Amino acid sequence: MASIPRNLTRAGKGRPAGAVNKTTREIRDAARAILDRPEYRASVQRRLDAGKAPHMEVLLHHYAFGKPKDKVEHSGNRKEPIQLCWRNSHDSSDC
């Protein structure tokens, strides 16, 4: 079997698997720096007590500590498995 010339492969392109994106790291570090300041924490307490800016709080916490994974469960009637059906747009039959 003939080998592929190195200049035609994608070897060495991009970040290594598992490497954190530089921008992601910068945003996370900036968010953590903001959240760690005592002045900000006092301000957060005042705004939370007043009911102001809740969406920004959630966003900053997601950037700083990561967003929790969503858990979605699907079930059919009577907890039976869901039936999936793919059909042609010209096909009028039911599954």
Protein backbone atom coordinates (compact mmCIF):
# COMPACT_ATOMS: atom_id res chain seq x y z
CA MET A 1 0.00 0.00 0.00
CA ALA A 2 1.42 3.37 -0.99
CA SER A 3 1.94 5.93 1.75
CA ILE A 4 0.40 9.40 1.54
CA PRO A 5 2.92 12.24 1.26
CA ARG A 6 3.13 14.22 4.51
CA ASN A 7 2.24 17.49 2.83
CA LEU A 8 -1.17 16.00 1.88
CA THR A 9 -2.14 14.90 5.39
CA ARG A 10 -3.66 16.97 8.17
CA ALA A 11 -1.01 15.87 10.67
CA GLY A 12 0.06 18.65 13.03
CA LYS A 13 -2.85 20.96 12.15
CA GLY A 14 -4.75 22.74 14.90
CA ARG A 15 -4.78 22.30 18.67
CA PRO A 16 -3.96 18.92 20.15
CA ALA A 17 -6.98 16.92 21.29
CA GLY A 18 -8.17 18.06 24.71
CA ALA A 19 -6.28 21.38 24.60
CA VAL A 20 -8.27 24.34 25.93
CA ASN A 21 -8.95 27.13 23.46
CA LYS A 22 -6.95 30.27 24.35
CA THR A 23 -10.04 32.49 24.14
CA THR A 24 -12.04 30.14 26.35
CA ARG A 25 -9.26 30.19 28.94
CA GLU A 26 -9.05 34.01 28.81
CA ILE A 27 -12.82 34.43 29.25
CA ARG A 28 -12.87 31.93 32.13
CA ASP A 29 -9.95 33.66 33.87
CA ALA A 30 -11.51 37.12 33.40
CA ALA A 31 -14.85 35.91 34.77
CA ARG A 32 -13.15 34.33 37.78
CA ALA A 33 -11.17 37.52 38.43
CA ILE A 34 -14.42 39.52 38.45
CA LEU A 35 -16.26 37.05 40.66
CA ASP A 36 -13.37 36.85 43.15
CA ARG A 37 -13.22 40.60 43.88
CA PRO A 38 -14.69 41.51 47.31
CA GLU A 39 -16.24 44.68 45.84
CA TYR A 40 -18.00 42.65 43.17
CA ARG A 41 -19.27 40.14 45.70
CA ALA A 42 -20.72 42.98 47.79
CA SER A 43 -22.31 44.42 44.65
CA VAL A 44 -23.72 41.00 43.72
CA GLN A 45 -25.30 40.69 47.15
CA ARG A 46 -26.91 44.12 46.81
CA ARG A 47 -28.22 43.36 43.29
CA LEU A 48 -29.48 39.91 44.26
CA ASP A 49 -31.26 41.37 47.27
CA ALA A 50 -32.85 43.96 44.94
CA GLY A 51 -33.69 41.32 42.28
CA LYS A 52 -31.60 42.98 39.54
CA ALA A 53 -29.29 41.42 36.84
CA PRO A 54 -29.95 37.70 37.49
CA HIS A 55 -29.09 36.68 33.91
CA MET A 56 -25.60 38.19 34.08
CA GLU A 57 -24.96 36.32 37.30
CA VAL A 58 -25.82 32.99 35.66
CA LEU A 59 -23.73 33.79 32.58
CA LEU A 60 -20.64 34.76 34.58
CA HIS A 61 -20.91 31.67 36.75
CA HIS A 62 -21.15 29.49 33.62
CA TYR A 63 -18.04 31.15 32.16
CA ALA A 64 -16.15 30.85 35.44
CA PHE A 65 -17.08 27.35 36.53
CA GLY A 66 -18.70 25.67 33.53
CA LYS A 67 -22.33 25.08 32.64
CA PRO A 68 -24.00 22.06 34.24
CA LYS A 69 -24.95 19.34 31.78
CA ASP A 70 -28.60 19.23 30.80
CA LYS A 71 -30.34 15.93 31.34
CA VAL A 72 -33.13 15.14 28.89
CA GLU A 73 -35.17 11.97 29.03
CA HIS A 74 -37.56 10.90 26.30
CA SER A 75 -40.29 8.32 26.58
CA GLY A 76 -43.26 7.25 24.51
CA ASN A 77 -46.77 6.39 25.63
CA ARG A 78 -46.89 4.29 28.80
CA LYS A 79 -43.09 4.57 29.11
CA GLU A 80 -42.59 2.45 25.99
CA PRO A 81 -39.67 3.15 23.65
CA ILE A 82 -40.17 5.96 21.16
CA GLN A 83 -40.70 4.87 17.56
CA LEU A 84 -38.66 6.91 15.09
CA CYS A 85 -39.73 7.13 11.49
CA TRP A 86 -37.98 8.65 8.49
CA ARG A 87 -39.93 9.01 5.31
CA ASN A 88 -39.64 10.63 1.93
CA SER A 89 -41.46 13.97 1.60
CA HIS A 90 -43.56 12.39 -1.16
CA ASP A 91 -44.56 9.43 1.03
CA SER A 92 -47.88 9.98 2.81
CA SER A 93 -47.90 6.69 4.75
CA ASP A 94 -47.72 6.67 8.53
CA CYS A 95 -45.01 4.73 10.29
